[in-house]
């Protein structure tokens, strides 16, 4: 299956939106007041999970585009 231009454009759009969400989340995290020191991670688990999901989505889209480019 060959990736056509429309599908590539849609994939690039998804990557751009995911990167924008990651950038916003990181900026929001940087602008929060520092929590009291604890032994737990700096970011709440929900924030970390959301960022990991966004990064995984970007990597998945990039892998898909690269695989299609290698085939076509």
C-alpha atoms as a PDB file:
ATOM      1  CA  UNK A   1       0.000   0.000   0.000  1.00  0.00           C
ATOM      2  CA  UNK A   2       1.478   3.315  -1.057  1.00  0.00           C
ATOM      3  CA  UNK A   3       0.979   6.408   1.066  1.00  0.00           C
ATOM      4  CA  UNK A   4      -0.540   9.137  -1.078  1.00  0.00           C
ATOM      5  CA  UNK A   5      -0.049  12.871  -0.686  1.00  0.00           C
ATOM      6  CA  UNK A   6      -3.369  13.415   1.136  1.00  0.00           C
ATOM      7  CA  UNK A   7      -2.568  10.704   3.684  1.00  0.00           C
ATOM      8  CA  UNK A   8       0.913  12.130   4.171  1.00  0.00           C
ATOM      9  CA  UNK A   9      -0.516  15.611   4.731  1.00  0.00           C
ATOM     10  CA  UNK A  10      -2.980  14.253   7.284  1.00  0.00           C
ATOM     11  CA  UNK A  11      -0.208  12.369   9.103  1.00  0.00           C
ATOM     12  CA  UNK A  12       1.971  15.477   9.179  1.00  0.00           C
ATOM     13  CA  UNK A  13      -0.979  17.462  10.540  1.00  0.00           C
ATOM     14  CA  UNK A  14      -1.470  14.893  13.314  1.00  0.00           C
ATOM     15  CA  UNK A  15       2.220  15.092  14.177  1.00  0.00           C
ATOM     16  CA  UNK A  16       2.133  18.897  14.286  1.00  0.00           C
ATOM     17  CA  UNK A  17      -0.930  18.910  16.556  1.00  0.00           C
ATOM     18  CA  UNK A  18       0.585  16.320  18.891  1.00  0.00           C
ATOM     19  CA  UNK A  19       3.841  18.272  19.095  1.00  0.00           C
ATOM     20  CA  UNK A  20       1.880  21.433  19.871  1.00  0.00           C
ATOM     21  CA  UNK A  21       0.071  19.642  22.704  1.00  0.00           C
ATOM     22  CA  UNK A  22       3.394  18.361  24.053  1.00  0.00           C
ATOM     23  CA  UNK A  23       4.889  21.861  23.871  1.00  0.00           C
ATOM     24  CA  UNK A  24       1.885  23.353  25.678  1.00  0.00           C
ATOM     25  CA  UNK A  25       1.958  20.693  28.394  1.00  0.00           C
ATOM     26  CA  UNK A  26       5.656  21.261  28.997  1.00  0.00           C
ATOM     27  CA  UNK A  27       5.169  25.036  29.098  1.00  0.00           C
ATOM     28  CA  UNK A  28       2.274  24.644  31.530  1.00  0.00           C
ATOM     29  CA  UNK A  29       4.412  22.387  33.701  1.00  0.00           C
ATOM     30  CA  UNK A  30       7.268  24.911  33.670  1.00  0.00           C
ATOM     31  CA  UNK A  31       4.903  27.724  34.709  1.00  0.00           C
ATOM     32  CA  UNK A  32       3.430  25.855  37.685  1.00  0.00           C
ATOM     33  CA  UNK A  33       4.683  26.736  41.143  1.00  0.00           C
ATOM     34  CA  UNK A  34       7.260  24.245  42.349  1.00  0.00           C
ATOM     35  CA  UNK A  35       5.769  21.607  44.642  1.00  0.00           C
ATOM     36  CA  UNK A  36       7.287  20.801  47.998  1.00  0.00           C
ATOM     37  CA  UNK A  37      10.133  18.305  47.592  1.00  0.00           C
ATOM     38  CA  UNK A  38       9.010  14.688  47.802  1.00  0.00           C
ATOM     39  CA  UNK A  39      10.317  11.306  46.804  1.00  0.00           C
ATOM     40  CA  UNK A  40       7.772  11.020  43.978  1.00  0.00           C
ATOM     41  CA  UNK A  41       8.238  12.203  40.391  1.00  0.00           C
ATOM     42  CA  UNK A  42       8.045  15.938  39.698  1.00  0.00           C
ATOM     43  CA  UNK A  43       4.955  15.684  37.485  1.00  0.00           C
ATOM     44  CA  UNK A  44       1.689  14.033  38.480  1.00  0.00           C
ATOM     45  CA  UNK A  45       1.284  10.551  36.969  1.00  0.00           C
ATOM     46  CA  UNK A  46      -1.640  11.702  34.798  1.00  0.00           C
ATOM     47  CA  UNK A  47       0.529  14.428  33.236  1.00  0.00           C
ATOM     48  CA  UNK A  48       3.333  11.972  32.595  1.00  0.00           C
ATOM     49  CA  UNK A  49       0.948   9.438  31.057  1.00  0.00           C
ATOM     50  CA  UNK A  50      -0.580  12.062  28.769  1.00  0.00           C
ATOM     51  CA  UNK A  51       2.841  13.232  27.593  1.00  0.00           C
ATOM     52  CA  UNK A  52       3.986   9.655  27.025  1.00  0.00           C
ATOM     53  CA  UNK A  53       0.861   8.982  24.965  1.00  0.00           C
ATOM     54  CA  UNK A  54       1.470  12.096  22.844  1.00  0.00           C
ATOM     55  CA  UNK A  55       5.111  11.154  22.269  1.00  0.00           C
ATOM     56  CA  UNK A  56       4.084   7.600  21.350  1.00  0.00           C
ATOM     57  CA  UNK A  57       1.550   8.996  18.859  1.00  0.00           C
ATOM     58  CA  UNK A  58       4.199  11.181  17.214  1.00  0.00           C
ATOM     59  CA  UNK A  59       6.657   8.288  17.008  1.00  0.00           C
ATOM     60  CA  UNK A  60       3.961   6.042  15.541  1.00  0.00           C
ATOM     61  CA  UNK A  61       3.099   8.549  12.832  1.00  0.00           C
ATOM     62  CA  UNK A  62       6.748   9.118  11.994  1.00  0.00           C
ATOM     63  CA  UNK A  63       7.401   5.364  11.834  1.00  0.00           C
ATOM     64  CA  UNK A  64       4.435   4.965   9.521  1.00  0.00           C
ATOM     65  CA  UNK A  65       5.634   7.756   7.204  1.00  0.00           C
ATOM     66  CA  UNK A  66       9.180   6.373   7.135  1.00  0.00           C
ATOM     67  CA  UNK A  67       7.985   2.840   6.396  1.00  0.00           C
ATOM     68  CA  UNK A  68       5.791   4.050   3.559  1.00  0.00           C
ATOM     69  CA  UNK A  69       8.610   6.184   2.148  1.00  0.00           C
ATOM     70  CA  UNK A  70      10.938   3.173   2.196  1.00  0.00           C
ATOM     71  CA  UNK A  71       8.387   1.140   0.241  1.00  0.00           C
ATOM     72  CA  UNK A  72       7.454   3.831  -2.243  1.00  0.00           C
END
